[in-house]
């Protein structure tokens, strides 16, 4: 992956996580506070080294 933009939103559309690195992952917090157990929406866009682009979206269930 040459470039990427990974974003996670809560049910109100608030951005709770964003990363441009494959090495970063969401720990289930926002500004240091644990987030609610619920379903979050993600978008993942980017480009591979060969120039092919990708655009994915889906949901993530946060469980504790």
PDB file of N, CA and C in Angstrom:
ATOM      1  N   UNK A   1       0.857  -1.180   0.000  1.00  0.00           N
ATOM      2  CA  UNK A   1       0.000   0.000   0.000  1.00  0.00           C
ATOM      3  C   UNK A   1       0.892   1.228   0.000  1.00  0.00           C
ATOM      4  N   UNK A   2       0.692   2.060  -1.021  1.00  0.00           N
ATOM      5  CA  UNK A   2       1.478   3.290  -1.149  1.00  0.00           C
ATOM      6  C   UNK A   2       0.882   4.410  -0.303  1.00  0.00           C
ATOM      7  N   UNK A   3      -0.439   4.570  -0.376  1.00  0.00           N
ATOM      8  CA  UNK A   3      -1.157   5.598   0.396  1.00  0.00           C
ATOM      9  C   UNK A   3      -2.450   5.014   0.913  1.00  0.00           C
ATOM     10  N   UNK A   4      -2.901   5.514   2.068  1.00  0.00           N
ATOM     11  CA  UNK A   4      -4.197   5.083   2.583  1.00  0.00           C
ATOM     12  C   UNK A   4      -4.757   6.131   3.529  1.00  0.00           C
ATOM     13  N   UNK A   5      -6.068   6.107   3.663  1.00  0.00           N
ATOM     14  CA  UNK A   5      -6.763   6.958   4.621  1.00  0.00           C
ATOM     15  C   UNK A   5      -7.843   6.095   5.260  1.00  0.00           C
ATOM     16  N   UNK A   6      -7.666   5.790   6.538  1.00  0.00           N
ATOM     17  CA  UNK A   6      -8.589   4.944   7.290  1.00  0.00           C
ATOM     18  C   UNK A   6      -9.292   5.813   8.322  1.00  0.00           C
ATOM     19  N   UNK A   7     -10.628   5.806   8.283  1.00  0.00           N
ATOM     20  CA  UNK A   7     -11.414   6.634   9.210  1.00  0.00           C
ATOM     21  C   UNK A   7     -12.515   5.797   9.845  1.00  0.00           C
ATOM     22  N   UNK A   8     -12.772   6.074  11.117  1.00  0.00           N
ATOM     23  CA  UNK A   8     -13.856   5.414  11.846  1.00  0.00           C
ATOM     24  C   UNK A   8     -14.750   6.505  12.428  1.00  0.00           C
ATOM     25  N   UNK A   9     -16.073   6.324  12.254  1.00  0.00           N
ATOM     26  CA  UNK A   9     -17.061   7.289  12.715  1.00  0.00           C
ATOM     27  C   UNK A   9     -18.040   6.612  13.671  1.00  0.00           C
ATOM     28  N   UNK A  10     -18.532   7.375  14.644  1.00  0.00           N
ATOM     29  CA  UNK A  10     -19.581   6.838  15.516  1.00  0.00           C
ATOM     30  C   UNK A  10     -20.948   7.018  14.852  1.00  0.00           C
ATOM     31  N   UNK A  11     -22.003   6.625  15.540  1.00  0.00           N
ATOM     32  CA  UNK A  11     -23.334   6.655  14.915  1.00  0.00           C
ATOM     33  C   UNK A  11     -23.850   8.063  14.663  1.00  0.00           C
ATOM     34  N   UNK A  12     -23.219   9.068  15.246  1.00  0.00           N
ATOM     35  CA  UNK A  12     -23.615  10.461  15.013  1.00  0.00           C
ATOM     36  C   UNK A  12     -22.761  11.103  13.919  1.00  0.00           C
ATOM     37  N   UNK A  13     -21.870  10.317  13.319  1.00  0.00           N
ATOM     38  CA  UNK A  13     -21.032  10.834  12.251  1.00  0.00           C
ATOM     39  C   UNK A  13     -19.764  11.524  12.720  1.00  0.00           C
ATOM     40  N   UNK A  14     -19.488  11.457  14.018  1.00  0.00           N
ATOM     41  CA  UNK A  14     -18.282  12.073  14.567  1.00  0.00           C
ATOM     42  C   UNK A  14     -17.075  11.184  14.270  1.00  0.00           C
ATOM     43  N   UNK A  15     -16.019  11.789  13.767  1.00  0.00           N
ATOM     44  CA  UNK A  15     -14.784  11.059  13.497  1.00  0.00           C
ATOM     45  C   UNK A  15     -14.135  10.679  14.821  1.00  0.00           C
ATOM     46  N   UNK A  16     -13.958   9.368  15.057  1.00  0.00           N
ATOM     47  CA  UNK A  16     -13.348   8.913  16.317  1.00  0.00           C
ATOM     48  C   UNK A  16     -11.926   8.403  16.116  1.00  0.00           C
ATOM     49  N   UNK A  17     -11.544   8.123  14.859  1.00  0.00           N
ATOM     50  CA  UNK A  17     -10.187   7.648  14.583  1.00  0.00           C
ATOM     51  C   UNK A  17      -9.852   7.917  13.130  1.00  0.00           C
ATOM     52  N   UNK A  18      -8.588   8.282  12.880  1.00  0.00           N
ATOM     53  CA  UNK A  18      -8.105   8.443  11.513  1.00  0.00           C
ATOM     54  C   UNK A  18      -6.631   8.064  11.484  1.00  0.00           C
ATOM     55  N   UNK A  19      -6.237   7.350  10.426  1.00  0.00           N
ATOM     56  CA  UNK A  19      -4.845   6.956  10.274  1.00  0.00           C
ATOM     57  C   UNK A  19      -4.479   6.892   8.795  1.00  0.00           C
ATOM     58  N   UNK A  20      -3.222   7.177   8.530  1.00  0.00           N
ATOM     59  CA  UNK A  20      -2.660   7.048   7.191  1.00  0.00           C
ATOM     60  C   UNK A  20      -1.562   5.997   7.172  1.00  0.00           C
ATOM     61  N   UNK A  21      -1.499   5.163   8.214  1.00  0.00           N
ATOM     62  CA  UNK A  21      -0.442   4.176   8.350  1.00  0.00           C
ATOM     63  C   UNK A  21      -1.015   2.788   8.612  1.00  0.00           C
ATOM     64  N   UNK A  22      -0.434   1.778   7.967  1.00  0.00           N
ATOM     65  CA  UNK A  22      -0.845   0.397   8.217  1.00  0.00           C
ATOM     66  C   UNK A  22      -0.486  -0.045   9.636  1.00  0.00           C
ATOM     67  N   UNK A  23       0.441   0.650  10.272  1.00  0.00           N
ATOM     68  CA  UNK A  23       0.908   0.274  11.603  1.00  0.00           C
ATOM     69  C   UNK A  23       0.031   0.798  12.728  1.00  0.00           C
ATOM     70  N   UNK A  24      -0.897   1.699  12.431  1.00  0.00           N
ATOM     71  CA  UNK A  24      -1.768   2.282  13.464  1.00  0.00           C
ATOM     72  C   UNK A  24      -3.124   1.596  13.461  1.00  0.00           C
ATOM     73  N   UNK A  25      -3.643   1.333  14.643  1.00  0.00           N
ATOM     74  CA  UNK A  25      -4.978   0.756  14.785  1.00  0.00           C
ATOM     75  C   UNK A  25      -5.739   1.487  15.869  1.00  0.00           C
ATOM     76  N   UNK A  26      -7.041   1.380  15.825  1.00  0.00           N
ATOM     77  CA  UNK A  26      -7.894   2.047  16.808  1.00  0.00           C
ATOM     78  C   UNK A  26      -7.946   1.227  18.076  1.00  0.00           C
ATOM     79  N   UNK A  27      -7.788   1.869  19.223  1.00  0.00           N
ATOM     80  CA  UNK A  27      -7.834   1.181  20.515  1.00  0.00           C
ATOM     81  C   UNK A  27      -9.192   1.306  21.203  1.00  0.00           C
ATOM     82  N   UNK A  28     -10.198   1.807  20.495  1.00  0.00           N
ATOM     83  CA  UNK A  28     -11.538   1.915  21.060  1.00  0.00           C
ATOM     84  C   UNK A  28     -11.750   3.132  21.937  1.00  0.00           C
ATOM     85  N   UNK A  29     -10.854   4.120  21.823  1.00  0.00           N
ATOM     86  CA  UNK A  29     -10.983   5.330  22.628  1.00  0.00           C
ATOM     87  C   UNK A  29     -11.089   6.559  21.727  1.00  0.00           C
ATOM     88  N   UNK A  30     -11.555   7.642  22.314  1.00  0.00           N
ATOM     89  CA  UNK A  30     -11.578   8.955  21.671  1.00  0.00           C
ATOM     90  C   UNK A  30     -11.106   9.958  22.703  1.00  0.00           C
ATOM     91  N   UNK A  31     -10.019  10.649  22.405  1.00  0.00           N
ATOM     92  CA  UNK A  31      -9.409  11.608  23.339  1.00  0.00           C
ATOM     93  C   UNK A  31      -9.198  10.985  24.722  1.00  0.00           C
ATOM     94  N   UNK A  32      -8.764   9.718  24.733  1.00  0.00           N
ATOM     95  CA  UNK A  32      -8.442   9.030  25.977  1.00  0.00           C
ATOM     96  C   UNK A  32      -9.607   8.374  26.697  1.00  0.00           C
ATOM     97  N   UNK A  33     -10.832   8.575  26.218  1.00  0.00           N
ATOM     98  CA  UNK A  33     -12.015   8.002  26.875  1.00  0.00           C
ATOM     99  C   UNK A  33     -12.506   6.778  26.102  1.00  0.00           C
ATOM    100  N   UNK A  34     -12.804   5.698  26.836  1.00  0.00           N
ATOM    101  CA  UNK A  34     -13.375   4.511  26.200  1.00  0.00           C
ATOM    102  C   UNK A  34     -14.678   4.868  25.508  1.00  0.00           C
ATOM    103  N   UNK A  35     -14.848   4.353  24.304  1.00  0.00           N
ATOM    104  CA  UNK A  35     -16.069   4.599  23.556  1.00  0.00           C
ATOM    105  C   UNK A  35     -17.114   3.534  23.861  1.00  0.00           C
ATOM    106  N   UNK A  36     -18.360   3.856  23.562  1.00  0.00           N
ATOM    107  CA  UNK A  36     -19.484   2.968  23.822  1.00  0.00           C
ATOM    108  C   UNK A  36     -19.363   1.667  23.038  1.00  0.00           C
ATOM    109  N   UNK A  37     -19.878   0.597  23.617  1.00  0.00           N
ATOM    110  CA  UNK A  37     -20.010  -0.668  22.901  1.00  0.00           C
ATOM    111  C   UNK A  37     -21.139  -0.467  21.910  1.00  0.00           C
ATOM    112  N   UNK A  38     -20.799  -0.440  20.633  1.00  0.00           N
ATOM    113  CA  UNK A  38     -21.781  -0.231  19.574  1.00  0.00           C
ATOM    114  C   UNK A  38     -21.134  -0.504  18.226  1.00  0.00           C
ATOM    115  N   UNK A  39     -21.855  -0.198  17.174  1.00  0.00           N
ATOM    116  CA  UNK A  39     -21.358  -0.398  15.814  1.00  0.00           C
ATOM    117  C   UNK A  39     -20.850   0.939  15.284  1.00  0.00           C
ATOM    118  N   UNK A  40     -19.663   0.914  14.704  1.00  0.00           N
ATOM    119  CA  UNK A  40     -19.022   2.079  14.118  1.00  0.00           C
ATOM    120  C   UNK A  40     -18.869   1.848  12.620  1.00  0.00           C
ATOM    121  N   UNK A  41     -18.833   2.927  11.866  1.00  0.00           N
ATOM    122  CA  UNK A  41     -18.693   2.858  10.416  1.00  0.00           C
ATOM    123  C   UNK A  41     -17.251   3.217  10.053  1.00  0.00           C
ATOM    124  N   UNK A  42     -16.682   2.496   9.084  1.00  0.00           N
ATOM    125  CA  UNK A  42     -15.337   2.835   8.628  1.00  0.00           C
ATOM    126  C   UNK A  42     -15.318   3.086   7.126  1.00  0.00           C
ATOM    127  N   UNK A  43     -14.353   3.901   6.718  1.00  0.00           N
ATOM    128  CA  UNK A  43     -14.030   4.081   5.298  1.00  0.00           C
ATOM    129  C   UNK A  43     -12.527   3.870   5.167  1.00  0.00           C
ATOM    130  N   UNK A  44     -12.143   3.229   4.090  1.00  0.00           N
ATOM    131  CA  UNK A  44     -10.729   2.983   3.817  1.00  0.00           C
ATOM    132  C   UNK A  44     -10.500   3.231   2.331  1.00  0.00           C
ATOM    133  N   UNK A  45      -9.711   4.240   2.036  1.00  0.00           N
ATOM    134  CA  UNK A  45      -9.383   4.551   0.648  1.00  0.00           C
ATOM    135  C   UNK A  45      -7.870   4.593   0.511  1.00  0.00           C
ATOM    136  N   UNK A  46      -7.403   4.332  -0.690  1.00  0.00           N
ATOM    137  CA  UNK A  46      -5.968   4.396  -0.888  1.00  0.00           C
ATOM    138  C   UNK A  46      -5.546   3.919  -2.251  1.00  0.00           C
ATOM    139  N   UNK A  47      -4.235   3.719  -2.351  1.00  0.00           N
ATOM    140  CA  UNK A  47      -3.639   3.321  -3.618  1.00  0.00           C
ATOM    141  C   UNK A  47      -2.506   2.331  -3.350  1.00  0.00           C
ATOM    142  N   UNK A  48      -2.449   1.300  -4.183  1.00  0.00           N
ATOM    143  CA  UNK A  48      -1.371   0.327  -4.105  1.00  0.00           C
ATOM    144  C   UNK A  48      -0.155   0.834  -4.870  1.00  0.00           C
ATOM    145  N   UNK A  49       0.989   0.182  -4.664  1.00  0.00           N
ATOM    146  CA  UNK A  49       2.222   0.577  -5.343  1.00  0.00           C
ATOM    147  C   UNK A  49       2.099   0.529  -6.863  1.00  0.00           C
ATOM    148  N   UNK A  50       1.246  -0.372  -7.381  1.00  0.00           N
ATOM    149  CA  UNK A  50       1.094  -0.498  -8.833  1.00  0.00           C
ATOM    150  C   UNK A  50       0.114   0.510  -9.438  1.00  0.00           C
ATOM    151  N   UNK A  51      -0.445   1.403  -8.613  1.00  0.00           N
ATOM    152  CA  UNK A  51      -1.356   2.435  -9.099  1.00  0.00           C
ATOM    153  C   UNK A  51      -2.826   2.096  -8.961  1.00  0.00           C
ATOM    154  N   UNK A  52      -3.155   0.828  -8.683  1.00  0.00           N
ATOM    155  CA  UNK A  52      -4.561   0.458  -8.459  1.00  0.00           C
ATOM    156  C   UNK A  52      -5.069   1.140  -7.200  1.00  0.00           C
ATOM    157  N   UNK A  53      -6.297   1.636  -7.274  1.00  0.00           N
ATOM    158  CA  UNK A  53      -6.902   2.329  -6.137  1.00  0.00           C
ATOM    159  C   UNK A  53      -7.968   1.461  -5.497  1.00  0.00           C
ATOM    160  N   UNK A  54      -8.229   1.691  -4.219  1.00  0.00           N
ATOM    161  CA  UNK A  54      -9.280   0.967  -3.519  1.00  0.00           C
ATOM    162  C   UNK A  54     -10.106   1.940  -2.695  1.00  0.00           C
ATOM    163  N   UNK A  55     -11.361   1.569  -2.487  1.00  0.00           N
ATOM    164  CA  UNK A  55     -12.322   2.385  -1.737  1.00  0.00           C
ATOM    165  C   UNK A  55     -13.265   1.410  -1.043  1.00  0.00           C
ATOM    166  N   UNK A  56     -13.081   1.228   0.252  1.00  0.00           N
ATOM    167  CA  UNK A  56     -13.875   0.268   1.019  1.00  0.00           C
ATOM    168  C   UNK A  56     -14.636   0.981   2.122  1.00  0.00           C
ATOM    169  N   UNK A  57     -15.749   0.391   2.517  1.00  0.00           N
ATOM    170  CA  UNK A  57     -16.497   0.896   3.677  1.00  0.00           C
ATOM    171  C   UNK A  57     -17.242  -0.267   4.318  1.00  0.00           C
ATOM    172  N   UNK A  58     -17.535  -0.126   5.567  1.00  0.00           N
ATOM    173  CA  UNK A  58     -18.231  -1.181   6.281  1.00  0.00           C
ATOM    174  C   UNK A  58     -18.465  -0.773   7.716  1.00  0.00           C
ATOM    175  N   UNK A  59     -18.645  -1.771   8.580  1.00  0.00           N
ATOM    176  CA  UNK A  59     -18.862  -1.462   9.992  1.00  0.00           C
ATOM    177  C   UNK A  59     -17.981  -2.319  10.876  1.00  0.00           C
ATOM    178  N   UNK A  60     -17.764  -1.803  12.063  1.00  0.00           N
ATOM    179  CA  UNK A  60     -16.942  -2.445  13.088  1.00  0.00           C
ATOM    180  C   UNK A  60     -17.765  -2.478  14.367  1.00  0.00           C
ATOM    181  N   UNK A  61     -17.866  -3.636  14.986  1.00  0.00           N
ATOM    182  CA  UNK A  61     -18.572  -3.753  16.275  1.00  0.00           C
ATOM    183  C   UNK A  61     -17.535  -3.690  17.385  1.00  0.00           C
ATOM    184  N   UNK A  62     -17.656  -2.701  18.241  1.00  0.00           N
ATOM    185  CA  UNK A  62     -16.751  -2.555  19.374  1.00  0.00           C
ATOM    186  C   UNK A  62     -17.325  -3.340  20.544  1.00  0.00           C
ATOM    187  N   UNK A  63     -16.567  -4.299  21.034  1.00  0.00           N
ATOM    188  CA  UNK A  63     -16.971  -5.133  22.162  1.00  0.00           C
ATOM    189  C   UNK A  63     -15.930  -4.996  23.268  1.00  0.00           C
ATOM    190  N   UNK A  64     -16.347  -5.132  24.488  1.00  0.00           N
ATOM    191  CA  UNK A  64     -15.418  -5.092  25.615  1.00  0.00           C
ATOM    192  C   UNK A  64     -15.593  -6.321  26.457  1.00  0.00           C
TER     193      UNK A  64
END
